[in-house]
């Protein structure tokens, strides 16, 4: 099993979800986040005062998939989230050694069944 974390633009969420569904990935978590990488600061004016935005709104998607589903999931995220501009985001893939079902307390080996 692998855990995929994807940091994406908020406006790309629905496209990413649709892309993941196309490859059979339906179980994931979405969190609101703020951050920055190489994306430049932006500025604005509010009530006559100038301000600088150094942290940009992002979404963090997390999912655990079988080893076979990693490449299709990553490709689907890239295809749906890519604009070609700075700030498109990042994808991280981590190994997952074990998963447990809180309701039953037993080891959960149904990751593939969640994504069907």
Protein backbone atom coordinates (compact mmCIF):
# COMPACT_ATOMS: atom_id res chain seq x y z
CA UNK A 1 0.00 0.00 0.00
CA UNK A 2 1.04 3.58 -0.62
CA UNK A 3 -0.21 6.92 0.66
CA UNK A 4 -0.48 9.68 -1.95
CA UNK A 5 -0.55 13.30 -0.82
CA UNK A 6 -1.31 15.88 -3.49
CA UNK A 7 -1.19 19.64 -2.94
CA UNK A 8 -3.38 21.23 -5.62
CA UNK A 9 -5.06 24.51 -6.56
CA UNK A 10 -8.55 24.74 -5.00
CA UNK A 11 -10.17 25.45 -8.37
CA UNK A 12 -8.87 22.11 -9.71
CA UNK A 13 -10.53 19.91 -7.07
CA UNK A 14 -13.56 18.80 -9.10
CA UNK A 15 -11.39 17.99 -12.13
CA UNK A 16 -9.02 15.93 -9.96
CA UNK A 17 -11.92 14.04 -8.36
CA UNK A 18 -13.34 13.25 -11.81
CA UNK A 19 -9.93 12.07 -13.00
CA UNK A 20 -9.47 9.83 -9.97
CA UNK A 21 -12.94 8.34 -10.46
CA UNK A 22 -12.04 7.48 -14.06
CA UNK A 23 -9.17 5.30 -12.79
CA UNK A 24 -11.27 3.77 -10.00
CA UNK A 25 -10.06 5.82 -7.02
CA UNK A 26 -13.05 6.96 -4.95
CA UNK A 27 -11.74 7.07 -1.37
CA UNK A 28 -9.75 10.14 -0.33
CA UNK A 29 -9.59 12.98 2.18
CA UNK A 30 -9.43 16.68 1.29
CA UNK A 31 -7.99 19.31 3.65
CA UNK A 32 -7.71 23.06 3.29
CA UNK A 33 -4.13 24.27 3.40
CA UNK A 34 -2.01 27.35 2.86
CA UNK A 35 1.54 27.37 1.64
CA UNK A 36 4.07 28.45 -0.87
CA UNK A 37 6.78 27.02 -3.01
CA UNK A 38 8.21 28.88 -5.97
CA UNK A 39 4.95 30.74 -6.56
CA UNK A 40 5.48 34.49 -6.17
CA UNK A 41 3.83 36.75 -3.60
CA UNK A 42 0.75 38.61 -4.71
CA UNK A 43 -0.55 41.89 -3.39
CA UNK A 44 -3.90 43.54 -3.04
CA UNK A 45 -5.67 46.54 -1.60
CA UNK A 46 -8.35 46.29 1.07
CA UNK A 47 -10.07 49.44 2.33
CA UNK A 48 -7.26 51.57 1.00
CA UNK A 49 -4.45 49.54 2.57
CA UNK A 50 -2.01 47.53 0.49
CA UNK A 51 -1.18 44.03 1.68
CA UNK A 52 0.99 41.16 0.50
CA UNK A 53 -0.12 37.55 0.26
CA UNK A 54 2.79 35.25 1.05
CA UNK A 55 0.78 32.09 1.67
CA UNK A 56 -1.51 30.86 -1.09
CA UNK A 57 -4.70 28.84 -0.58
CA UNK A 58 -4.26 25.18 -1.55
CA UNK A 59 -6.00 21.87 -1.00
CA UNK A 60 -4.28 18.75 0.25
CA UNK A 61 -5.69 15.45 -0.96
CA UNK A 62 -4.71 12.23 0.80
CA UNK A 63 -5.47 8.69 -0.28
CA UNK A 64 -4.14 5.20 0.37
CA UNK A 65 -4.04 2.94 -2.67
CA UNK A 66 -2.63 -0.43 -3.62
CA UNK A 67 0.83 -0.45 -5.19
CA UNK A 68 -0.73 -1.16 -8.61
CA UNK A 69 -2.95 1.94 -8.40
CA UNK A 70 -0.19 4.44 -7.58
CA UNK A 71 0.85 5.24 -11.14
CA UNK A 72 -2.72 5.60 -12.51
CA UNK A 73 -3.68 7.82 -9.55
CA UNK A 74 -0.61 10.07 -9.89
CA UNK A 75 -1.11 10.38 -13.65
CA UNK A 76 -4.80 11.26 -13.16
CA UNK A 77 -3.94 13.97 -10.62
CA UNK A 78 -1.28 15.50 -12.85
CA UNK A 79 -3.53 15.46 -15.92
CA UNK A 80 -6.40 17.14 -14.05
CA UNK A 81 -4.44 19.63 -11.92
CA UNK A 82 -1.73 20.82 -14.31
CA UNK A 83 -1.98 24.37 -15.69
CA UNK A 84 1.68 24.76 -16.59
CA UNK A 85 2.12 27.70 -14.24
CA UNK A 86 3.97 28.00 -10.93
CA UNK A 87 1.74 27.00 -8.04
CA UNK A 88 0.23 23.88 -9.63
CA UNK A 89 1.34 21.87 -6.58
CA UNK A 90 3.20 18.70 -5.65
CA UNK A 91 2.53 15.00 -5.23
CA UNK A 92 4.22 12.87 -2.57
CA UNK A 93 4.06 9.07 -2.34
CA UNK A 94 4.83 7.25 0.93
CA UNK A 95 4.87 3.58 1.90
CA UNK A 96 2.07 2.41 4.23
CA UNK A 97 2.94 -0.58 6.38
CA UNK A 98 -0.40 -1.21 8.07
CA UNK A 99 -3.95 0.15 8.23
CA UNK A 100 -6.55 -0.48 10.94
CA UNK A 101 -10.33 -0.15 10.93
CA UNK A 102 -11.34 1.92 13.96
CA UNK A 103 -14.88 0.51 14.07
CA UNK A 104 -13.75 -3.12 14.29
CA UNK A 105 -10.26 -2.64 15.69
CA UNK A 106 -8.91 -5.11 13.17
CA UNK A 107 -6.23 -4.74 10.54
CA UNK A 108 -7.78 -3.31 7.37
CA UNK A 109 -6.70 -5.03 4.21
CA UNK A 110 -9.57 -3.71 2.10
CA UNK A 111 -7.81 -0.70 0.56
CA UNK A 112 -8.41 -2.06 -2.95
CA UNK A 113 -12.10 -2.62 -2.19
CA UNK A 114 -12.50 1.04 -1.10
CA UNK A 115 -11.34 2.18 -4.50
CA UNK A 116 -13.72 0.12 -6.63
